[in-house]
Amino acid sequence: MNYFVRLMITIKVTQKILASAENVSQVLLEHRQLDRFFNAKFKLVKSQNSGELIGGKGAIRQVSIGKIVFEEEILTASNEHICYQIVGNYPVSDHHGDIQLISRGDDNQTTQLNYVIKFNGPKWLPSFLLKFFVGNDIRKAMKKLALHFANERISLENVA
């Protein structure tokens, strides 16, 4: 009898960003530049399907975190929603990322980002540790993303 039941890990992060949902989506689909926010290196392996947003549906990016290398495929992408999954079952299994971008305010220049990641960790690694470290990295990345747009807005205001 197996006494260790693996529960799917779910991480939810919400972040306010001072930019339109369209601009946030475009930046998140610039795969080669995602290392500005995430603690990883990214390489575009396959471009998006014909007729899709640049970096959108069908794109496959290689992600390198130290010696751990895996691929993520963009399943759907629009200005309001990005959905992706890890190709295969390494380093985690059943990985699914879902990013909702909701416009806020009358001018649509503020976005609420809701990021939900679900996955199963390896059996040898306690789920609570994996959830803590991955969640911490995602929260830091989303704060860097928000800061990127806040700094961009300040720069534009200084030019004007």
Protein backbone atom coordinates (compact mmCIF):
# COMPACT_ATOMS: atom_id res chain seq x y z
CA MET A 1 0.00 0.00 0.00
CA ASN A 2 1.32 3.45 -0.95
CA TYR A 3 1.03 5.88 1.97
CA PHE A 4 2.57 8.77 0.03
CA VAL A 5 -0.11 10.28 -2.19
CA ARG A 6 1.19 12.91 -4.58
CA LEU A 7 -1.07 15.93 -4.72
CA MET A 8 -0.89 18.25 -7.68
CA ILE A 9 0.99 21.42 -6.75
CA THR A 10 -0.85 24.65 -7.55
CA ILE A 11 0.79 28.07 -7.43
CA LYS A 12 -1.24 31.26 -7.87
CA VAL A 13 0.32 34.69 -8.30
CA THR A 14 -1.49 37.98 -8.88
CA GLN A 15 0.37 41.10 -9.96
CA LYS A 16 -0.75 44.63 -10.90
CA ILE A 17 1.14 45.97 -13.91
CA LEU A 18 1.09 49.56 -15.19
CA ALA A 19 0.68 48.66 -18.87
CA SER A 20 -2.00 47.47 -21.24
CA ALA A 21 -2.77 43.75 -21.40
CA GLU A 22 -1.59 43.79 -25.02
CA ASN A 23 1.84 45.18 -24.04
CA VAL A 24 2.20 42.69 -21.18
CA SER A 25 1.28 39.82 -23.50
CA GLN A 26 3.81 40.95 -26.12
CA VAL A 27 6.62 41.10 -23.54
CA LEU A 28 5.73 37.65 -22.14
CA LEU A 29 5.85 36.20 -25.66
CA GLU A 30 9.35 37.61 -26.33
CA HIS A 31 10.84 34.24 -25.38
CA ARG A 32 14.50 35.13 -25.97
CA GLN A 33 14.23 38.04 -23.51
CA LEU A 34 12.38 36.35 -20.67
CA ASP A 35 15.60 36.03 -18.69
CA ARG A 36 15.08 39.72 -17.80
CA PHE A 37 12.41 38.48 -15.40
CA PHE A 38 12.89 34.76 -14.77
CA ASN A 39 15.88 33.04 -13.20
CA ALA A 40 16.46 30.99 -16.36
CA LYS A 41 17.79 31.20 -19.91
CA PHE A 42 15.38 30.90 -22.84
CA LYS A 43 15.95 29.88 -26.45
CA LEU A 44 13.28 29.76 -29.16
CA VAL A 45 13.29 26.25 -30.68
CA LYS A 46 10.22 26.62 -32.91
CA SER A 47 8.33 29.71 -34.03
CA GLN A 48 4.60 30.19 -33.63
CA ASN A 49 2.13 28.57 -36.01
CA SER A 50 1.21 30.49 -39.16
CA GLY A 51 -1.31 33.26 -38.49
CA GLU A 52 -0.69 33.34 -34.72
CA LEU A 53 0.65 36.17 -32.54
CA ILE A 54 4.44 36.48 -32.64
CA GLY A 55 5.71 33.99 -30.05
CA GLY A 56 2.20 32.56 -29.67
CA LYS A 57 0.48 29.23 -30.26
CA GLY A 58 2.82 26.53 -31.48
CA ALA A 59 6.02 28.25 -30.32
CA ILE A 60 8.39 26.03 -28.37
CA ARG A 61 11.05 27.50 -26.11
CA GLN A 62 13.95 25.74 -24.43
CA VAL A 63 14.33 26.68 -20.77
CA SER A 64 17.66 26.24 -18.95
CA ILE A 65 17.84 26.56 -15.17
CA GLY A 66 21.39 25.65 -14.31
CA LYS A 67 21.93 22.13 -15.65
CA ILE A 68 18.20 21.44 -15.91
CA VAL A 69 17.00 21.87 -19.51
CA PHE A 70 13.45 21.33 -20.77
CA GLU A 71 11.01 22.65 -23.37
CA GLU A 72 7.72 24.53 -23.03
CA GLU A 73 5.09 24.78 -25.76
CA ILE A 74 2.68 27.69 -26.09
CA LEU A 75 -0.81 26.15 -26.40
CA THR A 76 -2.81 29.37 -26.80
CA ALA A 77 -1.91 33.04 -26.83
CA SER A 78 -3.88 36.25 -27.12
CA ASN A 79 -3.63 39.72 -25.61
CA GLU A 80 -5.68 38.46 -22.63
CA HIS A 81 -4.47 34.90 -22.13
CA ILE A 82 -1.32 32.79 -22.48
CA CYS A 83 -1.36 29.06 -21.81
CA TYR A 84 1.67 26.76 -22.01
CA GLN A 85 2.89 23.34 -20.91
CA ILE A 86 6.17 21.54 -20.42
CA VAL A 87 6.84 19.09 -23.24
CA GLY A 88 7.31 15.69 -21.60
CA ASN A 89 7.47 14.87 -17.89
CA TYR A 90 10.80 16.42 -16.89
CA PRO A 91 11.68 18.11 -14.56
CA VAL A 92 8.06 17.96 -13.35
CA SER A 93 5.06 16.13 -14.78
CA ASP A 94 1.66 17.36 -15.93
CA HIS A 95 2.92 20.96 -15.90
CA HIS A 96 0.43 23.56 -17.11
CA GLY A 97 0.85 27.35 -16.91
CA ASP A 98 -2.06 29.74 -17.37
CA ILE A 99 -1.69 33.54 -17.45
CA GLN A 100 -4.81 35.73 -17.53
CA LEU A 101 -4.35 39.43 -18.35
CA ILE A 102 -7.29 41.58 -17.27
CA SER A 103 -7.46 45.27 -18.22
CA ARG A 104 -8.26 47.59 -15.33
CA GLY A 105 -9.09 51.29 -15.24
CA ASP A 106 -10.79 53.56 -17.74
CA ASP A 107 -7.69 53.97 -19.91
CA ASN A 108 -6.89 50.22 -20.11
CA GLN A 109 -3.30 51.06 -19.11
CA THR A 110 -3.33 48.90 -15.99
CA THR A 111 -3.42 45.12 -16.11
CA GLN A 112 -4.12 42.55 -13.44
CA LEU A 113 -2.04 39.48 -14.17
CA ASN A 114 -3.30 36.19 -12.71
CA TYR A 115 -0.74 33.41 -13.10
CA VAL A 116 -1.64 29.83 -12.17
CA ILE A 117 0.78 26.93 -12.48
CA LYS A 118 -0.14 23.31 -11.80
CA PHE A 119 2.22 20.33 -11.83
CA ASN A 120 3.34 17.16 -10.10
CA GLY A 121 6.82 17.14 -8.62
CA PRO A 122 9.26 14.24 -8.56
CA LYS A 123 8.48 11.67 -5.87
CA TRP A 124 11.83 12.17 -4.14
CA LEU A 125 11.27 15.91 -3.55
CA PRO A 126 8.79 17.10 -0.89
CA SER A 127 5.93 18.99 -2.56
CA PHE A 128 5.95 21.82 -0.01
CA LEU A 129 9.60 22.60 -0.82
CA LEU A 130 9.04 22.58 -4.55
CA LYS A 131 5.95 24.78 -4.17
CA PHE A 132 7.91 27.23 -2.02
CA PHE A 133 10.88 27.57 -4.41
CA VAL A 134 8.90 27.68 -7.66
CA GLY A 135 6.31 30.04 -6.15
CA ASN A 136 9.05 32.33 -4.86
CA ASP A 137 10.70 32.45 -8.30
CA ILE A 138 7.40 33.22 -10.06
CA ARG A 139 6.52 35.99 -7.57
CA LYS A 140 9.96 37.58 -8.06
CA ALA A 141 9.64 37.33 -11.84
CA MET A 142 6.23 39.00 -11.85
CA LYS A 143 7.54 41.83 -9.63
CA LYS A 144 10.43 42.31 -12.09
CA LEU A 145 7.90 42.38 -14.94
CA ALA A 146 5.83 45.05 -13.15
CA LEU A 147 8.99 47.05 -12.41
CA HIS A 148 10.01 46.82 -16.09
CA PHE A 149 6.77 48.55 -17.12
CA ALA A 150 6.88 51.06 -14.24
CA ASN A 151 10.43 52.07 -15.26
CA GLU A 152 9.38 52.26 -18.91
CA ARG A 153 6.51 54.59 -17.98
CA ILE A 154 8.83 56.81 -15.92
CA SER A 155 11.28 57.01 -18.83
CA LEU A 156 8.50 58.02 -21.23
CA GLU A 157 7.23 60.67 -18.81
CA ASN A 158 10.74 62.12 -18.47
CA VAL A 159 11.04 62.41 -22.25
CA ALA A 160 7.69 64.20 -22.59
